[in-house]
């Protein structure tokens, strides 16, 4: 287990996560522009969330297309 810590508006949040998931979350937040070692504005968290929401939406569309393709076989 690892702790992932991030600060927004002067409030530090630390969450204990499984090692592999913690690495994923840390890297994803970094790619979304969230700095893990300094304070972040709330919009950074919103942008990170929307980035993941877009990915999830795209994955769901791809899964639906695969299901339709398989049903057509």
PDB file of N, CA and C in Angstrom:
ATOM      1  N   UNK A   1       0.847  -1.184   0.000  1.00  0.00           N
ATOM      2  CA  UNK A   1       0.000   0.000   0.000  1.00  0.00           C
ATOM      3  C   UNK A   1       0.890   1.244   0.000  1.00  0.00           C
ATOM      4  N   UNK A   2       0.429   2.254  -0.743  1.00  0.00           N
ATOM      5  CA  UNK A   2       1.139   3.520  -0.832  1.00  0.00           C
ATOM      6  C   UNK A   2       0.170   4.660  -0.544  1.00  0.00           C
ATOM      7  N   UNK A   3       0.731   5.744  -0.077  1.00  0.00           N
ATOM      8  CA  UNK A   3      -0.059   6.956   0.106  1.00  0.00           C
ATOM      9  C   UNK A   3       0.125   7.868  -1.097  1.00  0.00           C
ATOM     10  N   UNK A   4      -0.980   8.395  -1.578  1.00  0.00           N
ATOM     11  CA  UNK A   4      -0.955   9.398  -2.632  1.00  0.00           C
ATOM     12  C   UNK A   4      -1.433  10.683  -1.987  1.00  0.00           C
ATOM     13  N   UNK A   5      -0.624  11.723  -2.091  1.00  0.00           N
ATOM     14  CA  UNK A   5      -0.981  12.997  -1.480  1.00  0.00           C
ATOM     15  C   UNK A   5      -1.053  14.098  -2.509  1.00  0.00           C
ATOM     16  N   UNK A   6      -2.058  14.936  -2.357  1.00  0.00           N
ATOM     17  CA  UNK A   6      -2.240  16.071  -3.252  1.00  0.00           C
ATOM     18  C   UNK A   6      -2.868  17.213  -2.447  1.00  0.00           C
ATOM     19  N   UNK A   7      -2.506  18.435  -2.822  1.00  0.00           N
ATOM     20  CA  UNK A   7      -2.986  19.611  -2.101  1.00  0.00           C
ATOM     21  C   UNK A   7      -3.822  20.490  -3.027  1.00  0.00           C
ATOM     22  N   UNK A   8      -5.015  20.867  -2.549  1.00  0.00           N
ATOM     23  CA  UNK A   8      -5.893  21.778  -3.267  1.00  0.00           C
ATOM     24  C   UNK A   8      -6.319  22.884  -2.319  1.00  0.00           C
ATOM     25  N   UNK A   9      -6.110  24.115  -2.728  1.00  0.00           N
ATOM     26  CA  UNK A   9      -6.518  25.289  -1.942  1.00  0.00           C
ATOM     27  C   UNK A   9      -6.005  25.239  -0.506  1.00  0.00           C
ATOM     28  N   UNK A  10      -4.775  24.800  -0.346  1.00  0.00           N
ATOM     29  CA  UNK A  10      -4.171  24.759   0.975  1.00  0.00           C
ATOM     30  C   UNK A  10      -4.546  23.563   1.821  1.00  0.00           C
ATOM     31  N   UNK A  11      -5.403  22.688   1.334  1.00  0.00           N
ATOM     32  CA  UNK A  11      -5.792  21.483   2.067  1.00  0.00           C
ATOM     33  C   UNK A  11      -5.092  20.268   1.462  1.00  0.00           C
ATOM     34  N   UNK A  12      -4.372  19.544   2.293  1.00  0.00           N
ATOM     35  CA  UNK A  12      -3.633  18.358   1.847  1.00  0.00           C
ATOM     36  C   UNK A  12      -4.498  17.122   2.073  1.00  0.00           C
ATOM     37  N   UNK A  13      -4.591  16.292   1.030  1.00  0.00           N
ATOM     38  CA  UNK A  13      -5.355  15.050   1.101  1.00  0.00           C
ATOM     39  C   UNK A  13      -4.407  13.890   0.829  1.00  0.00           C
ATOM     40  N   UNK A  14      -4.380  12.927   1.727  1.00  0.00           N
ATOM     41  CA  UNK A  14      -3.550  11.742   1.560  1.00  0.00           C
ATOM     42  C   UNK A  14      -4.446  10.521   1.607  1.00  0.00           C
ATOM     43  N   UNK A  15      -4.292   9.681   0.595  1.00  0.00           N
ATOM     44  CA  UNK A  15      -5.135   8.497   0.473  1.00  0.00           C
ATOM     45  C   UNK A  15      -4.236   7.282   0.318  1.00  0.00           C
ATOM     46  N   UNK A  16      -4.541   6.241   1.057  1.00  0.00           N
ATOM     47  CA  UNK A  16      -3.779   5.003   0.985  1.00  0.00           C
ATOM     48  C   UNK A  16      -4.395   4.106  -0.087  1.00  0.00           C
ATOM     49  N   UNK A  17      -3.575   3.726  -1.074  1.00  0.00           N
ATOM     50  CA  UNK A  17      -4.046   2.922  -2.194  1.00  0.00           C
ATOM     51  C   UNK A  17      -3.124   1.733  -2.432  1.00  0.00           C
ATOM     52  N   UNK A  18      -3.649   0.741  -3.115  1.00  0.00           N
ATOM     53  CA  UNK A  18      -2.836  -0.384  -3.559  1.00  0.00           C
ATOM     54  C   UNK A  18      -1.679   0.166  -4.398  1.00  0.00           C
ATOM     55  N   UNK A  19      -0.512  -0.461  -4.314  1.00  0.00           N
ATOM     56  CA  UNK A  19       0.690   0.054  -4.966  1.00  0.00           C
ATOM     57  C   UNK A  19       0.490   0.361  -6.451  1.00  0.00           C
ATOM     58  N   UNK A  20      -0.015  -0.595  -7.215  1.00  0.00           N
ATOM     59  CA  UNK A  20      -0.166  -0.404  -8.659  1.00  0.00           C
ATOM     60  C   UNK A  20      -1.178   0.699  -8.956  1.00  0.00           C
ATOM     61  N   UNK A  21      -2.260   0.741  -8.198  1.00  0.00           N
ATOM     62  CA  UNK A  21      -3.274   1.771  -8.411  1.00  0.00           C
ATOM     63  C   UNK A  21      -2.733   3.141  -8.006  1.00  0.00           C
ATOM     64  N   UNK A  22      -1.956   3.193  -6.941  1.00  0.00           N
ATOM     65  CA  UNK A  22      -1.346   4.452  -6.504  1.00  0.00           C
ATOM     66  C   UNK A  22      -0.426   4.999  -7.589  1.00  0.00           C
ATOM     67  N   UNK A  23       0.345   4.128  -8.211  1.00  0.00           N
ATOM     68  CA  UNK A  23       1.231   4.556  -9.297  1.00  0.00           C
ATOM     69  C   UNK A  23       0.417   5.084 -10.471  1.00  0.00           C
ATOM     70  N   UNK A  24      -0.673   4.379 -10.807  1.00  0.00           N
ATOM     71  CA  UNK A  24      -1.547   4.828 -11.894  1.00  0.00           C
ATOM     72  C   UNK A  24      -2.137   6.201 -11.581  1.00  0.00           C
ATOM     73  N   UNK A  25      -2.679   6.377 -10.387  1.00  0.00           N
ATOM     74  CA  UNK A  25      -3.316   7.635  -9.994  1.00  0.00           C
ATOM     75  C   UNK A  25      -2.293   8.773 -10.014  1.00  0.00           C
ATOM     76  N   UNK A  26      -1.123   8.529  -9.469  1.00  0.00           N
ATOM     77  CA  UNK A  26      -0.079   9.556  -9.441  1.00  0.00           C
ATOM     78  C   UNK A  26       0.298   9.982 -10.849  1.00  0.00           C
ATOM     79  N   UNK A  27       0.519   9.027 -11.733  1.00  0.00           N
ATOM     80  CA  UNK A  27       0.901   9.338 -13.110  1.00  0.00           C
ATOM     81  C   UNK A  27      -0.237  10.028 -13.849  1.00  0.00           C
ATOM     82  N   UNK A  28      -1.459   9.578 -13.652  1.00  0.00           N
ATOM     83  CA  UNK A  28      -2.588  10.187 -14.329  1.00  0.00           C
ATOM     84  C   UNK A  28      -2.794  11.629 -13.873  1.00  0.00           C
ATOM     85  N   UNK A  29      -2.697  11.874 -12.585  1.00  0.00           N
ATOM     86  CA  UNK A  29      -2.825  13.243 -12.075  1.00  0.00           C
ATOM     87  C   UNK A  29      -1.699  14.118 -12.622  1.00  0.00           C
ATOM     88  N   UNK A  30      -0.502  13.579 -12.666  1.00  0.00           N
ATOM     89  CA  UNK A  30       0.633  14.338 -13.204  1.00  0.00           C
ATOM     90  C   UNK A  30       0.384  14.713 -14.665  1.00  0.00           C
ATOM     91  N   UNK A  31      -0.081  13.743 -15.456  1.00  0.00           N
ATOM     92  CA  UNK A  31      -0.357  14.007 -16.870  1.00  0.00           C
ATOM     93  C   UNK A  31      -1.488  15.019 -17.051  1.00  0.00           C
ATOM     94  N   UNK A  32      -2.380  15.077 -16.090  1.00  0.00           N
ATOM     95  CA  UNK A  32      -3.493  16.025 -16.156  1.00  0.00           C
ATOM     96  C   UNK A  32      -3.092  17.418 -15.667  1.00  0.00           C
ATOM     97  N   UNK A  33      -1.846  17.577 -15.230  1.00  0.00           N
ATOM     98  CA  UNK A  33      -1.366  18.879 -14.799  1.00  0.00           C
ATOM     99  C   UNK A  33      -1.462  19.149 -13.316  1.00  0.00           C
ATOM    100  N   UNK A  34      -1.766  18.122 -12.535  1.00  0.00           N
ATOM    101  CA  UNK A  34      -1.835  18.278 -11.080  1.00  0.00           C
ATOM    102  C   UNK A  34      -0.432  18.080 -10.518  1.00  0.00           C
ATOM    103  N   UNK A  35       0.028  19.047  -9.727  1.00  0.00           N
ATOM    104  CA  UNK A  35       1.344  18.944  -9.102  1.00  0.00           C
ATOM    105  C   UNK A  35       1.184  18.243  -7.762  1.00  0.00           C
ATOM    106  N   UNK A  36       1.931  17.186  -7.563  1.00  0.00           N
ATOM    107  CA  UNK A  36       1.794  16.388  -6.344  1.00  0.00           C
ATOM    108  C   UNK A  36       2.515  17.009  -5.139  1.00  0.00           C
ATOM    109  N   UNK A  37       3.369  18.012  -5.392  1.00  0.00           N
ATOM    110  CA  UNK A  37       4.203  18.534  -4.310  1.00  0.00           C
ATOM    111  C   UNK A  37       3.935  19.993  -3.951  1.00  0.00           C
ATOM    112  N   UNK A  38       3.016  20.640  -4.680  1.00  0.00           N
ATOM    113  CA  UNK A  38       2.660  22.013  -4.343  1.00  0.00           C
ATOM    114  C   UNK A  38       1.141  22.162  -4.383  1.00  0.00           C
ATOM    115  N   UNK A  39       0.686  23.311  -3.956  1.00  0.00           N
ATOM    116  CA  UNK A  39      -0.753  23.579  -3.934  1.00  0.00           C
ATOM    117  C   UNK A  39      -1.297  23.666  -5.360  1.00  0.00           C
ATOM    118  N   UNK A  40      -2.509  23.193  -5.540  1.00  0.00           N
ATOM    119  CA  UNK A  40      -3.186  23.229  -6.834  1.00  0.00           C
ATOM    120  C   UNK A  40      -4.488  23.992  -6.704  1.00  0.00           C
ATOM    121  N   UNK A  41      -4.900  24.600  -7.807  1.00  0.00           N
ATOM    122  CA  UNK A  41      -6.203  25.255  -7.853  1.00  0.00           C
ATOM    123  C   UNK A  41      -7.269  24.192  -8.108  1.00  0.00           C
ATOM    124  N   UNK A  42      -8.510  24.444  -7.703  1.00  0.00           N
ATOM    125  CA  UNK A  42      -9.585  23.465  -7.905  1.00  0.00           C
ATOM    126  C   UNK A  42      -9.791  23.065  -9.360  1.00  0.00           C
ATOM    127  N   UNK A  43      -9.527  23.984 -10.294  1.00  0.00           N
ATOM    128  CA  UNK A  43      -9.745  23.642 -11.689  1.00  0.00           C
ATOM    129  C   UNK A  43      -8.822  22.519 -12.157  1.00  0.00           C
ATOM    130  N   UNK A  44      -7.676  22.339 -11.501  1.00  0.00           N
ATOM    131  CA  UNK A  44      -6.776  21.245 -11.854  1.00  0.00           C
ATOM    132  C   UNK A  44      -7.434  19.896 -11.556  1.00  0.00           C
ATOM    133  N   UNK A  45      -8.147  19.818 -10.453  1.00  0.00           N
ATOM    134  CA  UNK A  45      -8.853  18.586 -10.103  1.00  0.00           C
ATOM    135  C   UNK A  45     -10.014  18.343 -11.067  1.00  0.00           C
ATOM    136  N   UNK A  46     -10.722  19.396 -11.411  1.00  0.00           N
ATOM    137  CA  UNK A  46     -11.820  19.267 -12.367  1.00  0.00           C
ATOM    138  C   UNK A  46     -11.299  18.793 -13.724  1.00  0.00           C
ATOM    139  N   UNK A  47     -10.202  19.362 -14.187  1.00  0.00           N
ATOM    140  CA  UNK A  47      -9.621  18.952 -15.469  1.00  0.00           C
ATOM    141  C   UNK A  47      -9.184  17.491 -15.422  1.00  0.00           C
ATOM    142  N   UNK A  48      -8.598  17.057 -14.301  1.00  0.00           N
ATOM    143  CA  UNK A  48      -8.172  15.664 -14.159  1.00  0.00           C
ATOM    144  C   UNK A  48      -9.382  14.737 -14.203  1.00  0.00           C
ATOM    145  N   UNK A  49     -10.451  15.123 -13.521  1.00  0.00           N
ATOM    146  CA  UNK A  49     -11.674  14.319 -13.540  1.00  0.00           C
ATOM    147  C   UNK A  49     -12.254  14.243 -14.949  1.00  0.00           C
ATOM    148  N   UNK A  50     -12.352  15.379 -15.617  1.00  0.00           N
ATOM    149  CA  UNK A  50     -12.932  15.393 -16.966  1.00  0.00           C
ATOM    150  C   UNK A  50     -12.091  14.592 -17.944  1.00  0.00           C
ATOM    151  N   UNK A  51     -10.795  14.585 -17.749  1.00  0.00           N
ATOM    152  CA  UNK A  51      -9.905  13.778 -18.593  1.00  0.00           C
ATOM    153  C   UNK A  51     -10.249  12.293 -18.445  1.00  0.00           C
ATOM    154  N   UNK A  52     -10.413  11.843 -17.213  1.00  0.00           N
ATOM    155  CA  UNK A  52     -10.776  10.442 -16.975  1.00  0.00           C
ATOM    156  C   UNK A  52     -12.190  10.135 -17.440  1.00  0.00           C
ATOM    157  N   UNK A  53     -13.100  11.090 -17.265  1.00  0.00           N
ATOM    158  CA  UNK A  53     -14.478  10.886 -17.709  1.00  0.00           C
ATOM    159  C   UNK A  53     -14.517  10.705 -19.230  1.00  0.00           C
ATOM    160  N   UNK A  54     -13.716  11.478 -19.945  1.00  0.00           N
ATOM    161  CA  UNK A  54     -13.653  11.341 -21.399  1.00  0.00           C
ATOM    162  C   UNK A  54     -13.121   9.968 -21.794  1.00  0.00           C
ATOM    163  N   UNK A  55     -12.058   9.527 -21.122  1.00  0.00           N
ATOM    164  CA  UNK A  55     -11.497   8.198 -21.401  1.00  0.00           C
ATOM    165  C   UNK A  55     -12.533   7.110 -21.140  1.00  0.00           C
ATOM    166  N   UNK A  56     -13.238   7.217 -20.035  1.00  0.00           N
ATOM    167  CA  UNK A  56     -14.260   6.231 -19.692  1.00  0.00           C
ATOM    168  C   UNK A  56     -15.360   6.213 -20.737  1.00  0.00           C
ATOM    169  N   UNK A  57     -15.796   7.376 -21.160  1.00  0.00           N
ATOM    170  CA  UNK A  57     -16.827   7.474 -22.182  1.00  0.00           C
ATOM    171  C   UNK A  57     -16.359   6.821 -23.487  1.00  0.00           C
ATOM    172  N   UNK A  58     -15.131   7.078 -23.870  1.00  0.00           N
ATOM    173  CA  UNK A  58     -14.587   6.473 -25.088  1.00  0.00           C
ATOM    174  C   UNK A  58     -14.510   4.953 -24.963  1.00  0.00           C
ATOM    175  N   UNK A  59     -14.084   4.463 -23.804  1.00  0.00           N
ATOM    176  CA  UNK A  59     -14.006   3.014 -23.588  1.00  0.00           C
ATOM    177  C   UNK A  59     -15.392   2.376 -23.674  1.00  0.00           C
ATOM    178  N   UNK A  60     -16.390   3.043 -23.096  1.00  0.00           N
ATOM    179  CA  UNK A  60     -17.751   2.506 -23.135  1.00  0.00           C
ATOM    180  C   UNK A  60     -18.255   2.421 -24.572  1.00  0.00           C
ATOM    181  N   UNK A  61     -17.977   3.438 -25.379  1.00  0.00           N
ATOM    182  CA  UNK A  61     -18.378   3.415 -26.783  1.00  0.00           C
ATOM    183  C   UNK A  61     -17.688   2.276 -27.534  1.00  0.00           C
ATOM    184  N   UNK A  62     -16.397   2.074 -27.260  1.00  0.00           N
ATOM    185  CA  UNK A  62     -15.655   0.997 -27.902  1.00  0.00           C
ATOM    186  C   UNK A  62     -16.211  -0.372 -27.505  1.00  0.00           C
ATOM    187  N   UNK A  63     -16.552  -0.530 -26.253  1.00  0.00           N
ATOM    188  CA  UNK A  63     -17.118  -1.797 -25.771  1.00  0.00           C
ATOM    189  C   UNK A  63     -18.467  -2.050 -26.438  1.00  0.00           C
ATOM    190  N   UNK A  64     -19.296  -1.020 -26.527  1.00  0.00           N
ATOM    191  CA  UNK A  64     -20.598  -1.172 -27.193  1.00  0.00           C
ATOM    192  C   UNK A  64     -20.411  -1.588 -28.651  1.00  0.00           C
ATOM    193  N   UNK A  65     -19.437  -0.995 -29.339  1.00  0.00           N
ATOM    194  CA  UNK A  65     -19.185  -1.354 -30.740  1.00  0.00           C
ATOM    195  C   UNK A  65     -18.711  -2.801 -30.849  1.00  0.00           C
ATOM    196  N   UNK A  66     -17.865  -3.219 -29.912  1.00  0.00           N
ATOM    197  CA  UNK A  66     -17.396  -4.612 -29.921  1.00  0.00           C
ATOM    198  C   UNK A  66     -18.538  -5.588 -29.676  1.00  0.00           C
ATOM    199  N   UNK A  67     -19.413  -5.234 -28.743  1.00  0.00           N
ATOM    200  CA  UNK A  67     -20.571  -6.099 -28.470  1.00  0.00           C
ATOM    201  C   UNK A  67     -21.453  -6.204 -29.700  1.00  0.00           C
ATOM    202  N   UNK A  68     -21.722  -5.090 -30.340  1.00  0.00           N
ATOM    203  CA  UNK A  68     -22.542  -5.107 -31.556  1.00  0.00           C
ATOM    204  C   UNK A  68     -21.888  -5.939 -32.647  1.00  0.00           C
ATOM    205  N   UNK A  69     -20.578  -5.827 -32.773  1.00  0.00           N
ATOM    206  CA  UNK A  69     -19.851  -6.607 -33.772  1.00  0.00           C
ATOM    207  C   UNK A  69     -19.954  -8.096 -33.475  1.00  0.00           C
ATOM    208  N   UNK A  70     -19.773  -8.459 -32.204  1.00  0.00           N
ATOM    209  CA  UNK A  70     -19.849  -9.871 -31.813  1.00  0.00           C
ATOM    210  C   UNK A  70     -21.254 -10.428 -31.980  1.00  0.00           C
ATOM    211  N   UNK A  71     -22.266  -9.610 -31.687  1.00  0.00           N
ATOM    212  CA  UNK A  71     -23.644 -10.060 -31.850  1.00  0.00           C
ATOM    213  C   UNK A  71     -23.979 -10.278 -33.319  1.00  0.00           C
ATOM    214  N   UNK A  72     -23.303  -9.557 -34.205  1.00  0.00           N
ATOM    215  CA  UNK A  72     -23.553  -9.679 -35.629  1.00  0.00           C
ATOM    216  C   UNK A  72     -22.874 -10.886 -36.268  1.00  0.00           C
ATOM    217  N   UNK A  73     -22.036 -11.560 -35.523  1.00  0.00           N
ATOM    218  CA  UNK A  73     -21.330 -12.726 -36.075  1.00  0.00           C
ATOM    219  C   UNK A  73     -22.196 -13.969 -36.064  1.00  0.00           C
TER     220      UNK A  73
END
